[in-house]
Amino acid sequence: MTHLLALPPELRLLIYTLLLADHQRVSHRTQPTNVHLRPLRTCTLLYAEAAPVLSAYVSLRNEVQITRFLHSLTSERASLVNWADVANDGRVLHDLSTNHIEPASQLYLALARLSSLAILRVFNVRDSHPYVVSAPYLRYKLNFESAMFPSNHPPALRSYHIFIDPAARVSPFQLISPSSLLSLRLSGDCHFPASNRTTPLALPSLLHLSLSAITSNAFDTLDFSRLLPHSRLLSFSHSQGHRLAFELRDPHLASLLRAPSPALSLRKLVLLGSSRLSSHALSTFIQSLHALDYLALSLVTVNELRHNFIHGISPHLTVLKLQVTNAWYAVPLYDEVGAVCDALEERVLKRDSGGVQLVCVSFYPKLMAEDGRAQRWRDIADQRRFTLKIGPWEEDEET
């Protein structure tokens, strides 16, 4: 602690910010804890300095934590919180005799106190569910957003991320408005409100979109150009995540290109577990993204890889993560994947202009051993001073 206090105040503030950012990372849909608040208990000086930074975030993982948080919450502390991670039970209690509906959890009381809330991430409840009430005229119903905002006046969120298990039903945008969102992550058995059948869902301000393990059919025929009518998307992520999840197909990529200026705006593209994309559609899409500087692609081949997508990669690319495998029922395409490896070496690893900073690759061991390819790539990385990681990387990629 003495060493920390010896640092300049502006450097200490940077450390608090980095500590919080690292703590907020989500791994395997596991909600972060509140351990980031521990430094506030060490000394008065640290509390005065770090409270505005660390108290801006809170994680409510179960009913016990929610109750304690409400008991200790002051108006000053509530006004500091702009980011909340919450475990949403999703149930509301319907009194048939009075037609009154009230959430089963006290989470809504906590959220109502957070006047500055702008970032909301929602997780499954893992333990300590709200107490189950049993009475003749009481019925439980699932209502995802009403369980958090029963007053029908949710805040105007900038970021709304849902980290729900694939089998769990979730109904976003029943109450929360999509118009102000800059960042959106959807997952689970996702169903949009019935009104969207006549008035399509639109995200006009969206900059970042992530779709992970969506097991409903809500996106099967979705036209991204209508979903993103005026937005200039900076990042797009799709992770298969489940064997029954929504699969990204050629028409989805085509509609994404029809959205406003993706060729000029999209800087980060993450596609994990893609098995329904043709090599032609993928190559055309990547070739159209002139501003791309981050590409993470985990491709599952089935019966073809005729078009080499490496040829269309942006010269501005600084991060490339690439994995090519085959479906369990398909024949490995060694020749085609070998051609991808050759193009990768010539067009990315040895590129003179610009320069890649991080390359993660996972190919067939047979191809990496061929003509000493793995060692040759390591030598190129050492010579050109970029980081090279050979082996599986998909589990560590955040979506």
Protein backbone atom coordinates (compact mmCIF):
# COMPACT_ATOMS: atom_id res chain seq x y z
CA MET A 1 0.00 0.00 0.00
CA THR A 2 2.93 2.34 0.81
CA HIS A 3 4.28 1.86 -2.72
CA LEU A 4 0.90 2.75 -4.25
CA LEU A 5 0.59 5.95 -2.23
CA ALA A 6 4.09 6.95 -3.32
CA LEU A 7 2.92 7.18 -6.94
CA PRO A 8 1.63 10.46 -8.40
CA PRO A 9 -2.16 10.94 -7.95
CA GLU A 10 -2.86 10.95 -11.71
CA LEU A 11 -1.08 7.60 -12.03
CA ARG A 12 -3.06 6.17 -9.13
CA LEU A 13 -6.31 7.20 -10.83
CA LEU A 14 -5.18 5.39 -13.98
CA ILE A 15 -4.46 2.27 -11.91
CA TYR A 16 -7.96 2.37 -10.39
CA THR A 17 -9.48 2.68 -13.87
CA LEU A 18 -7.45 -0.23 -15.25
CA LEU A 19 -8.26 -2.33 -12.18
CA LEU A 20 -11.97 -1.77 -12.71
CA ALA A 21 -11.82 -2.44 -16.47
CA ASP A 22 -10.02 -5.73 -15.89
CA HIS A 23 -12.50 -6.72 -13.19
CA GLN A 24 -15.50 -6.03 -15.44
CA ARG A 25 -14.46 -8.57 -18.07
CA VAL A 26 -16.93 -11.45 -18.49
CA SER A 27 -15.69 -15.01 -18.92
CA HIS A 28 -18.06 -17.84 -19.88
CA ARG A 29 -21.17 -15.76 -19.02
CA THR A 30 -20.04 -15.54 -15.38
CA GLN A 31 -21.08 -12.33 -13.67
CA PRO A 32 -18.25 -10.37 -12.00
CA THR A 33 -18.22 -9.87 -8.24
CA ASN A 34 -17.83 -6.73 -6.13
CA VAL A 35 -14.25 -7.50 -5.12
CA HIS A 36 -13.19 -4.30 -6.91
CA LEU A 37 -14.53 -2.35 -3.91
CA ARG A 38 -12.02 -3.82 -1.46
CA PRO A 39 -9.37 -1.11 -1.99
CA LEU A 40 -11.91 1.41 -0.66
CA ARG A 41 -11.69 -0.25 2.75
CA THR A 42 -7.91 0.11 3.11
CA CYS A 43 -7.46 3.76 4.04
CA THR A 44 -9.22 7.13 3.99
CA LEU A 45 -7.01 8.57 1.24
CA LEU A 46 -7.69 5.68 -1.12
CA TYR A 47 -11.40 5.90 -0.42
CA ALA A 48 -11.46 9.61 -1.28
CA GLU A 49 -9.48 9.04 -4.48
CA ALA A 50 -10.88 5.76 -5.76
CA ALA A 51 -14.55 6.00 -4.76
CA PRO A 52 -15.62 8.09 -7.79
CA VAL A 53 -13.99 5.50 -10.08
CA LEU A 54 -14.71 2.18 -8.37
CA SER A 55 -18.16 3.09 -7.03
CA ALA A 56 -19.38 3.81 -10.56
CA TYR A 57 -19.84 0.05 -10.98
CA VAL A 58 -21.89 -2.44 -8.98
CA SER A 59 -22.62 -6.14 -9.41
CA LEU A 60 -25.78 -7.63 -7.88
CA ARG A 61 -25.52 -11.41 -8.17
CA ASN A 62 -28.34 -12.66 -5.93
CA GLU A 63 -31.15 -11.61 -3.62
CA VAL A 64 -28.91 -11.47 -0.55
CA GLN A 65 -26.60 -8.97 -2.23
CA ILE A 66 -29.54 -6.93 -3.49
CA THR A 67 -31.01 -6.67 0.02
CA ARG A 68 -27.67 -5.60 1.52
CA PHE A 69 -27.09 -3.11 -1.27
CA LEU A 70 -30.48 -1.47 -0.71
CA HIS A 71 -29.87 -1.32 3.04
CA SER A 72 -26.52 0.47 2.65
CA LEU A 73 -27.29 2.59 -0.42
CA THR A 74 -27.09 6.34 0.10
CA SER A 75 -28.25 8.99 -2.35
CA GLU A 76 -24.64 10.00 -2.98
CA ARG A 77 -23.54 6.45 -3.73
CA ALA A 78 -26.59 5.83 -5.94
CA SER A 79 -25.79 8.88 -8.07
CA LEU A 80 -22.25 7.56 -8.71
CA VAL A 81 -23.35 4.25 -10.24
CA ASN A 82 -23.55 4.37 -14.03
CA TRP A 83 -22.78 0.68 -14.71
CA ALA A 84 -24.67 -2.23 -13.16
CA ASP A 85 -24.32 -5.97 -13.66
CA VAL A 86 -27.45 -7.70 -12.38
CA ALA A 87 -28.80 -11.22 -12.01
CA ASN A 88 -32.38 -11.01 -13.24
CA ASP A 89 -34.76 -13.64 -11.86
CA GLY A 90 -37.22 -12.62 -14.57
CA ARG A 91 -40.35 -13.55 -12.61
CA VAL A 92 -43.23 -11.28 -11.71
CA LEU A 93 -45.96 -12.10 -9.22
CA HIS A 94 -49.49 -11.64 -10.57
CA ASP A 95 -52.32 -11.21 -8.04
CA LEU A 96 -55.40 -12.45 -9.89
CA SER A 97 -57.79 -10.88 -7.37
CA THR A 98 -56.48 -7.33 -7.88
CA ASN A 99 -54.63 -7.76 -11.19
CA HIS A 100 -51.58 -6.26 -9.48
CA ILE A 101 -48.17 -7.32 -10.83
CA GLU A 102 -44.97 -7.04 -8.82
CA PRO A 103 -41.48 -8.45 -9.45
CA ALA A 104 -40.47 -11.44 -7.38
CA SER A 105 -37.06 -9.92 -6.74
CA GLN A 106 -36.17 -6.60 -5.12
CA LEU A 107 -33.81 -5.89 -7.99
CA TYR A 108 -36.23 -3.32 -9.41
CA LEU A 109 -35.96 -1.27 -6.20
CA ALA A 110 -32.19 -1.12 -6.55
CA LEU A 111 -32.32 -0.16 -10.23
CA ALA A 112 -34.89 2.54 -9.53
CA ARG A 113 -32.41 4.21 -7.16
CA LEU A 114 -29.62 4.38 -9.76
CA SER A 115 -30.39 7.73 -11.34
CA SER A 116 -27.23 7.80 -13.50
CA LEU A 117 -27.50 4.26 -14.89
CA ALA A 118 -26.31 4.09 -18.50
CA ILE A 119 -24.76 0.62 -18.84
CA LEU A 120 -26.72 -2.51 -17.91
CA ARG A 121 -25.57 -6.12 -18.22
CA VAL A 122 -28.01 -8.89 -17.33
CA PHE A 123 -27.10 -12.41 -16.18
CA ASN A 124 -28.86 -15.53 -14.95
CA VAL A 125 -29.45 -15.95 -11.23
CA ARG A 126 -27.06 -18.67 -10.09
CA ASP A 127 -28.01 -18.90 -6.41
CA SER A 128 -30.30 -17.42 -3.77
CA HIS A 129 -33.45 -16.98 -5.84
CA PRO A 130 -36.21 -14.77 -4.40
CA TYR A 131 -38.54 -16.42 -1.91
CA VAL A 132 -41.35 -18.40 -3.56
CA VAL A 133 -44.82 -17.28 -2.46
CA SER A 134 -47.75 -19.68 -2.60
CA ALA A 135 -51.35 -18.46 -2.34
CA PRO A 136 -54.64 -19.23 -4.14
CA TYR A 137 -54.74 -15.99 -6.16
CA LEU A 138 -51.03 -15.57 -6.85
CA ARG A 139 -49.35 -16.72 -10.04
CA TYR A 140 -45.78 -16.39 -11.24
CA LYS A 141 -45.13 -15.23 -14.79
CA LEU A 142 -41.94 -14.67 -16.74
CA ASN A 143 -41.49 -11.08 -17.83
CA PHE A 144 -37.84 -10.28 -18.43
CA GLU A 145 -37.80 -6.48 -18.45
CA SER A 146 -40.85 -5.89 -16.24
CA ALA A 147 -39.00 -7.76 -13.49
CA MET A 148 -36.40 -4.98 -13.61
CA PHE A 149 -38.53 -1.94 -14.49
CA PRO A 150 -42.18 -2.53 -13.43
CA SER A 151 -42.93 1.21 -13.51
CA ASN A 152 -42.56 1.14 -17.32
CA HIS A 153 -40.01 3.97 -17.08
CA PRO A 154 -36.60 2.40 -17.70
CA PRO A 155 -33.54 4.63 -18.09
CA ALA A 156 -32.23 5.65 -21.51
CA LEU A 157 -29.38 3.15 -21.67
CA ARG A 158 -26.23 3.58 -23.76
CA SER A 159 -25.25 -0.07 -23.43
CA TYR A 160 -27.45 -3.14 -22.91
CA HIS A 161 -25.73 -6.53 -22.76
CA ILE A 162 -27.56 -9.78 -22.07
CA PHE A 163 -25.49 -12.76 -20.87
CA ILE A 164 -28.26 -15.34 -20.55
CA ASP A 165 -27.91 -19.12 -20.92
CA PRO A 166 -28.95 -20.48 -24.36
CA ALA A 167 -32.07 -22.20 -22.99
CA ALA A 168 -33.31 -19.19 -20.98
CA ARG A 169 -36.09 -17.11 -22.53
CA VAL A 170 -35.44 -13.39 -22.85
CA SER A 171 -37.64 -10.64 -24.32
CA PRO A 172 -35.64 -7.46 -24.89
CA PHE A 173 -37.16 -4.10 -25.82
CA GLN A 174 -40.54 -4.67 -24.23
CA LEU A 175 -39.77 -1.60 -22.11
CA ILE A 176 -36.19 -0.53 -22.78
CA SER A 177 -35.94 1.76 -25.79
CA PRO A 178 -33.49 0.70 -28.51
CA SER A 179 -33.18 4.21 -29.93
CA SER A 180 -30.48 5.45 -27.53
CA LEU A 181 -28.35 2.30 -27.52
CA LEU A 182 -24.75 2.52 -28.67
CA SER A 183 -23.82 -1.05 -27.72
CA LEU A 184 -26.01 -4.18 -27.69
CA ARG A 185 -25.34 -7.82 -26.87
CA LEU A 186 -28.07 -10.45 -27.20
CA SER A 187 -28.10 -14.11 -26.18
CA GLY A 188 -30.43 -16.90 -25.08
CA ASP A 189 -33.90 -17.80 -26.35
CA CYS A 190 -34.43 -14.26 -27.60
CA HIS A 191 -37.89 -13.02 -28.64
CA PHE A 192 -38.74 -9.48 -29.71
CA PRO A 193 -42.08 -7.82 -28.82
CA ALA A 194 -45.09 -8.66 -30.99
CA SER A 195 -45.25 -5.04 -32.16
CA ASN A 196 -42.08 -5.63 -34.19
CA ARG A 197 -44.11 -7.69 -36.67
CA THR A 198 -45.71 -4.49 -37.91
CA THR A 199 -43.00 -2.00 -36.90
CA PRO A 200 -39.57 -3.61 -37.37
CA LEU A 201 -37.02 -3.18 -34.61
CA ALA A 202 -34.53 -0.42 -35.43
CA LEU A 203 -31.27 0.53 -33.74
CA PRO A 204 -30.44 3.89 -35.33
CA SER A 205 -27.57 4.88 -33.02
CA LEU A 206 -25.90 1.50 -32.58
CA LEU A 207 -22.10 1.28 -32.86
CA HIS A 208 -21.43 -2.19 -31.45
CA LEU A 209 -23.53 -5.34 -31.98
CA SER A 210 -22.81 -8.79 -30.54
CA LEU A 211 -24.95 -11.91 -31.03
CA SER A 212 -24.01 -14.97 -28.98
CA ALA A 213 -25.71 -18.36 -28.64
CA ILE A 214 -29.17 -17.13 -29.69
CA THR A 215 -31.42 -20.19 -29.75
CA SER A 216 -34.62 -18.58 -31.05
CA ASN A 217 -35.48 -17.98 -34.70
CA ALA A 218 -35.71 -14.21 -34.23
CA PHE A 219 -32.70 -13.58 -36.47
CA ASP A 220 -33.20 -16.28 -39.09
CA THR A 221 -34.65 -13.91 -41.70
CA LEU A 222 -33.40 -10.66 -40.22
CA ASP A 223 -32.32 -7.90 -42.59
CA PHE A 224 -29.49 -5.99 -40.92
CA SER A 225 -29.95 -3.02 -43.24
CA ARG A 226 -33.41 -2.49 -41.70
CA LEU A 227 -32.20 -3.19 -38.16
CA LEU A 228 -29.44 -0.58 -38.50
CA PRO A 229 -31.10 2.13 -40.62
CA HIS A 230 -28.83 5.07 -39.74
CA SER A 231 -26.11 3.58 -37.56
CA ARG A 232 -22.42 3.47 -38.43
CA LEU A 233 -21.46 0.13 -36.97
CA LEU A 234 -17.91 -0.03 -35.59
CA SER A 235 -17.92 -3.65 -34.44
CA PHE A 236 -19.94 -6.78 -35.18
CA SER A 237 -19.62 -10.12 -33.39
CA HIS A 238 -21.41 -13.40 -33.89
CA SER A 239 -20.69 -16.51 -31.85
CA GLN A 240 -22.47 -19.78 -32.54
CA GLY A 241 -22.05 -20.83 -28.91
CA HIS A 242 -24.62 -23.66 -28.98
CA ARG A 243 -25.47 -26.48 -31.34
CA LEU A 244 -29.05 -25.22 -31.79
CA ALA A 245 -28.15 -21.54 -31.99
CA PHE A 246 -28.88 -19.10 -34.80
CA GLU A 247 -26.43 -19.59 -37.67
CA LEU A 248 -25.08 -16.70 -39.67
CA ARG A 249 -25.66 -17.23 -43.40
CA ASP A 250 -24.79 -15.53 -46.68
CA PRO A 251 -27.95 -13.31 -46.80
CA HIS A 252 -27.06 -11.92 -43.36
CA LEU A 253 -23.65 -10.77 -44.57
CA ALA A 254 -25.20 -9.31 -47.71
CA SER A 255 -27.76 -7.34 -45.69
CA LEU A 256 -25.03 -6.13 -43.35
CA LEU A 257 -23.21 -4.67 -46.35
CA ARG A 258 -26.40 -2.83 -47.31
CA ALA A 259 -26.44 -1.07 -43.94
CA PRO A 260 -25.08 2.52 -43.91
CA SER A 261 -21.36 2.60 -44.78
CA PRO A 262 -20.07 -0.64 -43.19
CA ALA A 263 -17.17 -0.58 -45.64
CA LEU A 264 -16.01 2.72 -44.15
CA SER A 265 -17.00 2.26 -40.50
CA LEU A 266 -16.62 -1.40 -39.44
CA ARG A 267 -13.32 -1.81 -37.62
CA LYS A 268 -13.83 -5.02 -35.66
CA LEU A 269 -15.32 -8.27 -36.96
CA VAL A 270 -15.64 -11.44 -34.87
CA LEU A 271 -17.23 -14.58 -36.35
CA LEU A 272 -16.93 -17.71 -34.20
CA GLY A 273 -18.10 -21.18 -35.19
CA SER A 274 -19.36 -20.13 -38.61
CA SER A 275 -20.26 -23.20 -40.69
CA ARG A 276 -23.04 -21.89 -42.96
CA LEU A 277 -21.10 -19.18 -44.75
CA SER A 278 -19.87 -19.84 -48.26
CA SER A 279 -16.27 -18.92 -48.97
CA HIS A 280 -17.46 -16.57 -51.75
CA ALA A 281 -19.78 -14.60 -49.46
CA LEU A 282 -17.14 -14.45 -46.73
CA SER A 283 -14.44 -13.27 -49.15
CA THR A 284 -16.73 -10.63 -50.65
CA PHE A 285 -17.69 -9.36 -47.21
CA ILE A 286 -14.13 -9.14 -45.86
CA GLN A 287 -12.91 -7.50 -49.07
CA SER A 288 -15.55 -4.78 -48.65
CA LEU A 289 -14.38 -3.77 -45.17
CA HIS A 290 -11.71 -1.20 -45.99
CA ALA A 291 -11.31 0.12 -42.43
CA LEU A 292 -11.09 -3.26 -40.68
CA ASP A 293 -8.26 -3.50 -38.15
CA TYR A 294 -9.43 -6.42 -35.95
CA LEU A 295 -10.53 -9.75 -37.42
CA ALA A 296 -11.27 -12.90 -35.40
CA LEU A 297 -12.57 -15.70 -37.58
CA SER A 298 -13.26 -19.28 -36.51
CA LEU A 299 -14.44 -21.06 -39.62
CA VAL A 300 -15.92 -24.57 -39.77
CA THR A 301 -15.70 -26.00 -43.28
CA VAL A 302 -18.26 -28.46 -44.63
CA ASN A 303 -17.74 -29.04 -48.34
CA GLU A 304 -15.88 -26.11 -49.87
CA LEU A 305 -13.28 -23.40 -49.37
CA ARG A 306 -12.80 -22.37 -52.97
CA HIS A 307 -12.36 -18.64 -52.38
CA ASN A 308 -9.35 -17.55 -50.35
CA PHE A 309 -10.61 -14.80 -48.04
CA ILE A 310 -7.07 -13.82 -47.01
CA HIS A 311 -6.63 -11.97 -50.32
CA GLY A 312 -9.27 -9.41 -49.34
CA ILE A 313 -7.98 -8.56 -45.85
CA SER A 314 -7.57 -4.85 -45.16
CA PRO A 315 -3.98 -3.54 -45.19
CA HIS A 316 -4.82 -1.66 -41.98
CA LEU A 317 -5.32 -4.90 -40.02
CA THR A 318 -3.45 -4.94 -36.69
CA VAL A 319 -5.05 -7.97 -35.00
CA LEU A 320 -5.78 -11.24 -36.81
CA LYS A 321 -7.15 -14.36 -35.13
CA LEU A 322 -7.80 -17.26 -37.45
CA GLN A 323 -8.97 -20.83 -36.98
CA VAL A 324 -10.11 -23.25 -39.67
CA THR A 325 -11.48 -26.68 -38.79
CA ASN A 326 -13.98 -29.02 -40.40
CA ALA A 327 -17.38 -30.22 -39.24
CA TRP A 328 -17.28 -33.65 -37.59
CA TYR A 329 -19.10 -35.18 -40.55
CA ALA A 330 -17.01 -33.44 -43.24
CA VAL A 331 -13.71 -34.29 -44.90
CA PRO A 332 -10.78 -32.01 -43.94
CA LEU A 333 -9.89 -29.64 -46.79
CA TYR A 334 -6.13 -29.81 -46.35
CA ASP A 335 -5.23 -28.34 -49.76
CA GLU A 336 -7.58 -25.37 -49.44
CA VAL A 337 -6.56 -24.62 -45.85
CA GLY A 338 -2.93 -24.96 -46.91
CA ALA A 339 -3.57 -22.27 -49.53
CA VAL A 340 -5.00 -20.05 -46.78
CA CYS A 341 -1.80 -20.60 -44.77
CA ASP A 342 0.37 -19.66 -47.76
CA ALA A 343 -1.63 -16.50 -48.44
CA LEU A 344 -1.53 -15.58 -44.76
CA GLU A 345 2.25 -15.84 -44.72
CA GLU A 346 2.78 -13.77 -47.86
CA ARG A 347 0.06 -11.14 -47.48
CA VAL A 348 -0.09 -10.61 -43.71
CA LEU A 349 2.94 -11.98 -41.86
CA LYS A 350 5.49 -10.66 -44.39
CA ARG A 351 3.65 -7.46 -45.23
CA ASP A 352 5.90 -4.41 -45.29
CA SER A 353 3.38 -1.58 -45.17
CA GLY A 354 1.46 -0.97 -41.96
CA GLY A 355 2.12 -4.00 -39.84
CA VAL A 356 0.13 -6.52 -37.87
CA GLN A 357 0.67 -6.49 -34.09
CA LEU A 358 -1.01 -9.72 -32.97
CA VAL A 359 -1.63 -12.95 -34.87
CA CYS A 360 -3.35 -15.99 -33.32
CA VAL A 361 -3.70 -19.05 -35.55
CA SER A 362 -5.08 -22.54 -35.11
CA PHE A 363 -4.77 -24.86 -38.11
CA TYR A 364 -4.39 -28.59 -38.57
CA PRO A 365 -1.16 -29.83 -36.89
CA LYS A 366 -0.29 -31.56 -40.16
CA LEU A 367 -0.24 -28.22 -41.99
CA MET A 368 1.71 -26.41 -39.28
CA ALA A 369 4.40 -29.10 -39.37
CA GLU A 370 4.61 -29.06 -43.16
CA ASP A 371 7.99 -27.66 -44.32
CA GLY A 372 8.58 -26.29 -40.81
CA ARG A 373 5.74 -23.77 -41.21
CA ALA A 374 5.20 -23.18 -37.47
CA GLN A 375 8.87 -22.43 -36.79
CA ARG A 376 9.16 -20.30 -39.91
CA TRP A 377 6.23 -18.19 -38.76
CA ARG A 378 7.80 -17.78 -35.32
CA ASP A 379 10.99 -16.57 -36.97
CA ILE A 380 9.02 -14.07 -39.05
CA ALA A 381 7.25 -12.82 -35.91
CA ASP A 382 10.58 -12.35 -34.11
CA GLN A 383 12.07 -10.56 -37.09
CA ARG A 384 9.11 -8.23 -37.66
CA ARG A 385 8.37 -7.84 -33.95
CA PHE A 386 4.74 -8.85 -33.70
CA THR A 387 3.14 -11.32 -31.30
CA LEU A 388 2.35 -14.76 -32.70
CA LYS A 389 0.31 -17.39 -30.84
CA ILE A 390 -0.15 -20.83 -32.35
CA GLY A 391 -2.96 -22.97 -30.94
CA PRO A 392 -6.64 -22.69 -29.94
CA TRP A 393 -7.70 -19.16 -29.06
CA GLU A 394 -11.50 -19.15 -29.49
CA GLU A 395 -12.30 -19.76 -25.81
CA ASP A 396 -10.48 -16.57 -24.83
CA GLU A 397 -12.20 -14.33 -27.35
CA GLU A 398 -14.71 -11.94 -25.78
CA THR A 399 -18.05 -11.57 -27.55
